PDB file of all heavy atoms in Angstrom:
ATOM      1  N   GLY A   1     -23.850  20.284 -43.374  1.00  0.00           N
ATOM      2  CA  GLY A   1     -23.724  21.689 -43.126  1.00  0.00           C
ATOM      3  C   GLY A   1     -23.824  22.653 -44.229  1.00  0.00           C
ATOM      4  O   GLY A   1     -23.650  23.795 -44.141  1.00  0.00           O
ATOM      5  N   TYR A   2     -24.320  22.067 -45.479  1.00  0.00           N
ATOM      6  CA  TYR A   2     -24.536  22.970 -46.716  1.00  0.00           C
ATOM      7  C   TYR A   2     -25.921  23.274 -46.857  1.00  0.00           C
ATOM      8  O   TYR A   2     -26.730  22.460 -46.877  1.00  0.00           O
ATOM      9  CB  TYR A   2     -23.951  22.219 -47.947  1.00  0.00           C
ATOM     10  CG  TYR A   2     -24.068  23.054 -49.093  1.00  0.00           C
ATOM     11  CD1 TYR A   2     -23.235  24.326 -49.198  1.00  0.00           C
ATOM     12  CD2 TYR A   2     -24.899  22.638 -50.155  1.00  0.00           C
ATOM     13  CE1 TYR A   2     -23.319  25.031 -50.399  1.00  0.00           C
ATOM     14  CE2 TYR A   2     -24.831  23.476 -51.373  1.00  0.00           C
ATOM     15  CZ  TYR A   2     -24.019  24.670 -51.435  1.00  0.00           C
ATOM     16  OH  TYR A   2     -24.165  25.415 -52.601  1.00  0.00           O
ATOM     17  N   THR A   3     -26.251  24.567 -47.069  1.00  0.00           N
ATOM     18  CA  THR A   3     -27.598  25.085 -47.041  1.00  0.00           C
ATOM     19  C   THR A   3     -27.809  25.670 -48.420  1.00  0.00           C
ATOM     20  O   THR A   3     -29.091  26.015 -48.689  1.00  0.00           O
ATOM     21  CB  THR A   3     -27.861  26.241 -45.995  1.00  0.00           C
ATOM     22  OG1 THR A   3     -27.056  27.199 -46.144  1.00  0.00           O
ATOM     23  CG2 THR A   3     -27.621  25.509 -44.680  1.00  0.00           C
ATOM     24  N   TYR A   4     -26.954  25.818 -49.310  1.00  0.00           N
ATOM     25  CA  TYR A   4     -27.194  26.462 -50.727  1.00  0.00           C
ATOM     26  C   TYR A   4     -27.811  25.312 -51.578  1.00  0.00           C
ATOM     27  O   TYR A   4     -27.561  24.258 -51.508  1.00  0.00           O
ATOM     28  CB  TYR A   4     -25.976  27.003 -51.272  1.00  0.00           C
ATOM     29  CG  TYR A   4     -25.378  28.225 -50.664  1.00  0.00           C
ATOM     30  CD1 TYR A   4     -24.294  28.894 -51.102  1.00  0.00           C
ATOM     31  CD2 TYR A   4     -26.180  28.866 -49.511  1.00  0.00           C
ATOM     32  CE1 TYR A   4     -23.905  30.021 -50.516  1.00  0.00           C
ATOM     33  CE2 TYR A   4     -25.615  30.045 -48.832  1.00  0.00           C
ATOM     34  CZ  TYR A   4     -24.600  30.601 -49.422  1.00  0.00           C
ATOM     35  OH  TYR A   4     -23.998  31.757 -48.779  1.00  0.00           O
ATOM     36  N   SER A   5     -28.561  25.845 -52.473  1.00  0.00           N
ATOM     37  CA  SER A   5     -29.181  24.948 -53.511  1.00  0.00           C
ATOM     38  C   SER A   5     -28.491  24.883 -54.907  1.00  0.00           C
ATOM     39  O   SER A   5     -28.759  23.988 -55.626  1.00  0.00           O
ATOM     40  CB  SER A   5     -30.732  25.492 -53.747  1.00  0.00           C
ATOM     41  OG  SER A   5     -30.792  26.858 -54.259  1.00  0.00           O
ATOM     42  N   THR A   6     -27.528  25.795 -55.100  1.00  0.00           N
ATOM     43  CA  THR A   6     -26.735  25.812 -56.305  1.00  0.00           C
ATOM     44  C   THR A   6     -25.268  25.663 -55.996  1.00  0.00           C
ATOM     45  O   THR A   6     -24.709  26.413 -55.212  1.00  0.00           O
ATOM     46  CB  THR A   6     -27.045  26.980 -57.187  1.00  0.00           C
ATOM     47  OG1 THR A   6     -26.730  28.315 -56.356  1.00  0.00           O
ATOM     48  CG2 THR A   6     -28.540  27.143 -57.652  1.00  0.00           C
ATOM     49  N   TYR A   7     -24.632  24.697 -56.604  1.00  0.00           N
ATOM     50  CA  TYR A   7     -23.217  24.435 -56.154  1.00  0.00           C
ATOM     51  C   TYR A   7     -22.745  23.459 -57.269  1.00  0.00           C
ATOM     52  O   TYR A   7     -23.364  22.840 -58.003  1.00  0.00           O
ATOM     53  CB  TYR A   7     -23.206  23.716 -54.817  1.00  0.00           C
ATOM     54  CG  TYR A   7     -24.054  22.432 -54.741  1.00  0.00           C
ATOM     55  CD1 TYR A   7     -23.603  21.225 -55.141  1.00  0.00           C
ATOM     56  CD2 TYR A   7     -25.286  22.498 -54.331  1.00  0.00           C
ATOM     57  CE1 TYR A   7     -24.295  20.125 -55.066  1.00  0.00           C
ATOM     58  CE2 TYR A   7     -26.125  21.346 -54.415  1.00  0.00           C
ATOM     59  CZ  TYR A   7     -25.602  20.255 -54.629  1.00  0.00           C
ATOM     60  OH  TYR A   7     -26.354  18.972 -54.550  1.00  0.00           O
ATOM     61  N   CYS A   8     -21.347  23.296 -57.232  1.00  0.00           N
ATOM     62  CA  CYS A   8     -20.726  22.148 -57.865  1.00  0.00           C
ATOM     63  C   CYS A   8     -19.910  21.364 -56.784  1.00  0.00           C
ATOM     64  O   CYS A   8     -19.372  21.939 -55.805  1.00  0.00           O
ATOM     65  CB  CYS A   8     -19.636  22.594 -58.842  1.00  0.00           C
ATOM     66  SG  CYS A   8     -20.345  23.531 -60.267  1.00  0.00           S
ATOM     67  N   MET A   9     -19.907  20.084 -56.985  1.00  0.00           N
ATOM     68  CA  MET A   9     -19.001  19.284 -56.085  1.00  0.00           C
ATOM     69  C   MET A   9     -17.983  18.545 -56.973  1.00  0.00           C
ATOM     70  O   MET A   9     -18.423  18.172 -58.234  1.00  0.00           O
ATOM     71  CB  MET A   9     -19.752  18.203 -55.355  1.00  0.00           C
ATOM     72  CG  MET A   9     -20.618  18.848 -54.265  1.00  0.00           C
ATOM     73  SD  MET A   9     -21.221  17.788 -53.087  1.00  0.00           S
ATOM     74  CE  MET A   9     -19.808  17.433 -52.021  1.00  0.00           C
ATOM     75  N   GLY A  10     -16.713  18.398 -56.720  1.00  0.00           N
ATOM     76  CA  GLY A  10     -15.818  17.725 -57.524  1.00  0.00           C
ATOM     77  C   GLY A  10     -14.822  16.807 -56.761  1.00  0.00           C
ATOM     78  O   GLY A  10     -14.758  16.785 -55.530  1.00  0.00           O
ATOM     79  N   TRP A  11     -14.218  15.926 -57.552  1.00  0.00           N
ATOM     80  CA  TRP A  11     -13.143  15.131 -56.998  1.00  0.00           C
ATOM     81  C   TRP A  11     -11.764  15.627 -57.582  1.00  0.00           C
ATOM     82  O   TRP A  11     -11.654  15.790 -58.835  1.00  0.00           O
ATOM     83  CB  TRP A  11     -13.365  13.759 -57.356  1.00  0.00           C
ATOM     84  CG  TRP A  11     -14.420  13.034 -56.666  1.00  0.00           C
ATOM     85  CD1 TRP A  11     -15.782  12.793 -57.048  1.00  0.00           C
ATOM     86  CD2 TRP A  11     -14.386  12.458 -55.393  1.00  0.00           C
ATOM     87  NE1 TRP A  11     -16.500  12.171 -55.994  1.00  0.00           N
ATOM     88  CE2 TRP A  11     -15.640  11.886 -55.063  1.00  0.00           C
ATOM     89  CE3 TRP A  11     -13.343  12.294 -54.447  1.00  0.00           C
ATOM     90  CZ2 TRP A  11     -15.835  11.283 -53.674  1.00  0.00           C
ATOM     91  CZ3 TRP A  11     -13.587  11.682 -53.184  1.00  0.00           C
ATOM     92  CH2 TRP A  11     -14.748  11.143 -52.867  1.00  0.00           C
ATOM     93  N   PHE A  12     -10.870  15.798 -56.735  1.00  0.00           N
ATOM     94  CA  PHE A  12      -9.488  16.065 -57.119  1.00  0.00           C
ATOM     95  C   PHE A  12      -8.608  15.032 -56.630  1.00  0.00           C
ATOM     96  O   PHE A  12      -8.845  14.279 -55.677  1.00  0.00           O
ATOM     97  CB  PHE A  12      -9.113  17.428 -56.528  1.00  0.00           C
ATOM     98  CG  PHE A  12      -9.891  18.640 -57.223  1.00  0.00           C
ATOM     99  CD1 PHE A  12     -11.141  18.953 -56.886  1.00  0.00           C
ATOM    100  CD2 PHE A  12      -9.221  19.406 -58.106  1.00  0.00           C
ATOM    101  CE1 PHE A  12     -11.849  20.014 -57.238  1.00  0.00           C
ATOM    102  CE2 PHE A  12      -9.802  20.509 -58.612  1.00  0.00           C
ATOM    103  CZ  PHE A  12     -11.239  20.702 -58.311  1.00  0.00           C
ATOM    104  N   ARG A  13      -7.335  15.060 -57.204  1.00  0.00           N
ATOM    105  CA  ARG A  13      -6.353  14.039 -56.680  1.00  0.00           C
ATOM    106  C   ARG A  13      -5.010  14.620 -56.751  1.00  0.00           C
ATOM    107  O   ARG A  13      -4.680  15.612 -57.491  1.00  0.00           O
ATOM    108  CB  ARG A  13      -6.488  12.726 -57.416  1.00  0.00           C
ATOM    109  CG  ARG A  13      -6.041  12.804 -58.981  1.00  0.00           C
ATOM    110  CD  ARG A  13      -6.181  11.579 -59.645  1.00  0.00           C
ATOM    111  NE  ARG A  13      -5.773  11.591 -60.934  1.00  0.00           N
ATOM    112  CZ  ARG A  13      -5.941  10.678 -61.831  1.00  0.00           C
ATOM    113  NH1 ARG A  13      -6.595   9.400 -61.612  1.00  0.00           N
ATOM    114  NH2 ARG A  13      -5.527  10.726 -63.110  1.00  0.00           N
ATOM    115  N   GLN A  14      -4.095  14.139 -55.944  1.00  0.00           N
ATOM    116  CA  GLN A  14      -2.753  14.653 -55.847  1.00  0.00           C
ATOM    117  C   GLN A  14      -1.891  13.506 -55.624  1.00  0.00           C
ATOM    118  O   GLN A  14      -1.926  12.785 -54.557  1.00  0.00           O
ATOM    119  CB  GLN A  14      -2.486  15.724 -54.773  1.00  0.00           C
ATOM    120  CG  GLN A  14      -1.202  16.387 -54.806  1.00  0.00           C
ATOM    121  CD  GLN A  14      -1.101  17.739 -54.044  1.00  0.00           C
ATOM    122  OE1 GLN A  14      -1.974  17.954 -53.309  1.00  0.00           O
ATOM    123  NE2 GLN A  14      -0.167  18.441 -54.316  1.00  0.00           N
ATOM    124  N   ALA A  15      -0.871  13.283 -56.512  1.00  0.00           N
ATOM    125  CA  ALA A  15       0.043  12.242 -56.351  1.00  0.00           C
ATOM    126  C   ALA A  15       1.410  12.755 -55.909  1.00  0.00           C
ATOM    127  O   ALA A  15       1.616  14.051 -56.017  1.00  0.00           O
ATOM    128  CB  ALA A  15       0.251  11.584 -57.782  1.00  0.00           C
ATOM    129  N   PRO A  16       2.240  12.022 -55.249  1.00  0.00           N
ATOM    130  CA  PRO A  16       3.570  12.434 -54.730  1.00  0.00           C
ATOM    131  C   PRO A  16       4.302  13.236 -55.755  1.00  0.00           C
ATOM    132  O   PRO A  16       4.477  12.604 -56.905  1.00  0.00           O
ATOM    133  CB  PRO A  16       4.163  11.192 -54.253  1.00  0.00           C
ATOM    134  CG  PRO A  16       3.078  10.243 -53.935  1.00  0.00           C
ATOM    135  CD  PRO A  16       2.047  10.591 -55.017  1.00  0.00           C
ATOM    136  N   GLY A  17       4.877  14.381 -55.494  1.00  0.00           N
ATOM    137  CA  GLY A  17       5.629  15.186 -56.455  1.00  0.00           C
ATOM    138  C   GLY A  17       4.803  15.858 -57.599  1.00  0.00           C
ATOM    139  O   GLY A  17       5.562  16.481 -58.439  1.00  0.00           O
ATOM    140  N   LYS A  18       3.476  15.733 -57.542  1.00  0.00           N
ATOM    141  CA  LYS A  18       2.784  16.283 -58.518  1.00  0.00           C
ATOM    142  C   LYS A  18       1.627  17.345 -58.058  1.00  0.00           C
ATOM    143  O   LYS A  18       1.449  17.279 -56.753  1.00  0.00           O
ATOM    144  CB  LYS A  18       1.989  15.318 -59.357  1.00  0.00           C
ATOM    145  CG  LYS A  18       2.897  14.206 -60.192  1.00  0.00           C
ATOM    146  CD  LYS A  18       2.150  13.338 -60.764  1.00  0.00           C
ATOM    147  CE  LYS A  18       1.344  14.016 -62.080  1.00  0.00           C
ATOM    148  NZ  LYS A  18       0.592  13.014 -62.909  1.00  0.00           N
ATOM    149  N   GLY A  19       1.217  18.266 -58.851  1.00  0.00           N
ATOM    150  CA  GLY A  19       0.178  19.257 -58.326  1.00  0.00           C
ATOM    151  C   GLY A  19      -1.345  18.605 -58.228  1.00  0.00           C
ATOM    152  O   GLY A  19      -1.502  17.431 -58.812  1.00  0.00           O
ATOM    153  N   ARG A  20      -2.024  19.260 -57.665  1.00  0.00           N
ATOM    154  CA  ARG A  20      -3.353  18.928 -57.660  1.00  0.00           C
ATOM    155  C   ARG A  20      -4.094  18.764 -58.999  1.00  0.00           C
ATOM    156  O   ARG A  20      -4.033  19.692 -59.707  1.00  0.00           O
ATOM    157  CB  ARG A  20      -4.286  19.808 -56.661  1.00  0.00           C
ATOM    158  CG  ARG A  20      -5.596  19.202 -56.266  1.00  0.00           C
ATOM    159  CD  ARG A  20      -6.194  20.171 -55.249  1.00  0.00           C
ATOM    160  NE  ARG A  20      -5.440  20.106 -53.947  1.00  0.00           N
ATOM    161  CZ  ARG A  20      -5.698  20.953 -52.897  1.00  0.00           C
ATOM    162  NH1 ARG A  20      -6.650  21.823 -52.887  1.00  0.00           N
ATOM    163  NH2 ARG A  20      -4.826  20.821 -51.880  1.00  0.00           N
ATOM    164  N   GLU A  21      -4.864  17.706 -59.282  1.00  0.00           N
ATOM    165  CA  GLU A  21      -5.447  17.468 -60.484  1.00  0.00           C
ATOM    166  C   GLU A  21      -6.931  17.291 -60.368  1.00  0.00           C
ATOM    167  O   GLU A  21      -7.415  16.558 -59.528  1.00  0.00           O
ATOM    168  CB  GLU A  21      -4.804  16.225 -61.214  1.00  0.00           C
ATOM    169  CG  GLU A  21      -5.457  15.869 -62.528  1.00  0.00           C
ATOM    170  CD  GLU A  21      -5.100  14.632 -63.041  1.00  0.00           C
ATOM    171  OE1 GLU A  21      -4.409  13.774 -62.227  1.00  0.00           O
ATOM    172  OE2 GLU A  21      -5.139  14.266 -64.255  1.00  0.00           O
ATOM    173  N   GLY A  22      -7.782  18.104 -61.210  1.00  0.00           N
ATOM    174  CA  GLY A  22      -9.135  17.766 -61.126  1.00  0.00           C
ATOM    175  C   GLY A  22      -9.492  16.467 -61.797  1.00  0.00           C
ATOM    176  O   GLY A  22      -9.037  16.155 -62.864  1.00  0.00           O
ATOM    177  N   VAL A  23     -10.419  15.769 -61.336  1.00  0.00           N
ATOM    178  CA  VAL A  23     -10.861  14.431 -61.762  1.00  0.00           C
ATOM    179  C   VAL A  23     -12.153  14.475 -62.477  1.00  0.00           C
ATOM    180  O   VAL A  23     -12.396  14.019 -63.545  1.00  0.00           O
ATOM    181  CB  VAL A  23     -10.717  13.384 -60.708  1.00  0.00           C
ATOM    182  CG1 VAL A  23     -11.150  12.016 -61.205  1.00  0.00           C
ATOM    183  CG2 VAL A  23      -9.222  13.308 -60.109  1.00  0.00           C
ATOM    184  N   ALA A  24     -13.185  14.981 -61.679  1.00  0.00           N
ATOM    185  CA  ALA A  24     -14.595  14.946 -62.116  1.00  0.00           C
ATOM    186  C   ALA A  24     -15.255  15.985 -61.330  1.00  0.00           C
ATOM    187  O   ALA A  24     -14.961  16.248 -60.243  1.00  0.00           O
ATOM    188  CB  ALA A  24     -15.062  13.503 -61.946  1.00  0.00           C
ATOM    189  N   THR A  25     -16.421  16.448 -61.965  1.00  0.00           N
ATOM    190  CA  THR A  25     -17.263  17.459 -61.128  1.00  0.00           C
ATOM    191  C   THR A  25     -18.707  17.261 -61.577  1.00  0.00           C
ATOM    192  O   THR A  25     -18.871  16.810 -62.732  1.00  0.00           O
ATOM    193  CB  THR A  25     -16.873  18.951 -61.520  1.00  0.00           C
ATOM    194  OG1 THR A  25     -17.519  19.813 -60.743  1.00  0.00           O
ATOM    195  CG2 THR A  25     -16.987  19.328 -63.009  1.00  0.00           C
ATOM    196  N   ILE A  26     -19.584  17.614 -60.832  1.00  0.00           N
ATOM    197  CA  ILE A  26     -20.977  17.526 -60.977  1.00  0.00           C
ATOM    198  C   ILE A  26     -21.729  18.637 -60.427  1.00  0.00           C
ATOM    199  O   ILE A  26     -21.301  19.268 -59.448  1.00  0.00           O
ATOM    200  CB  ILE A  26     -21.593  16.197 -60.276  1.00  0.00           C
ATOM    201  CG1 ILE A  26     -22.992  16.101 -60.745  1.00  0.00           C
ATOM    202  CG2 ILE A  26     -21.540  16.197 -58.831  1.00  0.00           C
ATOM    203  CD1 ILE A  26     -23.588  14.575 -60.384  1.00  0.00           C
ATOM    204  N   ALA A  27     -22.571  19.273 -61.253  1.00  0.00           N
ATOM    205  CA  ALA A  27     -23.286  20.565 -60.928  1.00  0.00           C
ATOM    206  C   ALA A  27     -24.801  20.289 -60.508  1.00  0.00           C
ATOM    207  O   ALA A  27     -25.336  19.372 -60.911  1.00  0.00           O
ATOM    208  CB  ALA A  27     -23.276  21.477 -62.062  1.00  0.00           C
ATOM    209  N   SER A  28     -25.205  21.098 -59.426  1.00  0.00           N
ATOM    210  CA  SER A  28     -26.573  20.896 -59.016  1.00  0.00           C
ATOM    211  C   SER A  28     -27.417  21.408 -60.079  1.00  0.00           C
ATOM    212  O   SER A  28     -27.080  21.995 -61.154  1.00  0.00           O
ATOM    213  CB  SER A  28     -26.848  21.817 -57.706  1.00  0.00           C
ATOM    214  OG  SER A  28     -26.584  23.214 -58.114  1.00  0.00           O
ATOM    215  N   GLY A  29     -28.712  21.093 -60.013  1.00  0.00           N
ATOM    216  CA  GLY A  29     -29.730  21.432 -60.975  1.00  0.00           C
ATOM    217  C   GLY A  29     -29.831  20.377 -61.957  1.00  0.00           C
ATOM    218  O   GLY A  29     -30.575  19.358 -61.758  1.00  0.00           O
ATOM    219  N   ASP A  30     -29.199  20.494 -63.173  1.00  0.00           N
ATOM    220  CA  ASP A  30     -29.285  19.575 -64.206  1.00  0.00           C
ATOM    221  C   ASP A  30     -28.390  18.407 -64.031  1.00  0.00           C
ATOM    222  O   ASP A  30     -28.350  17.454 -64.791  1.00  0.00           O
ATOM    223  CB  ASP A  30     -29.152  20.245 -65.566  1.00  0.00           C
ATOM    224  CG  ASP A  30     -27.732  20.799 -65.768  1.00  0.00           C
ATOM    225  OD1 ASP A  30     -26.828  20.708 -64.881  1.00  0.00           O
ATOM    226  OD2 ASP A  30     -27.461  21.446 -66.860  1.00  0.00           O
ATOM    227  N   GLY A  31     -27.464  18.473 -63.005  1.00  0.00           N
ATOM    228  CA  GLY A  31     -26.618  17.390 -62.716  1.00  0.00           C
ATOM    229  C   GLY A  31     -25.491  17.162 -63.832  1.00  0.00           C
ATOM    230  O   GLY A  31     -25.025  16.077 -63.868  1.00  0.00           O
TER     231      GLY A  31
END
């Protein structure tokens, strides 16, 4: 359902009792 050509996609994680943490991200274009 995504139609844009420029974007970032990422992985986040959340452990019990902790806040959401960024894990990794990848950007369109140059990757």
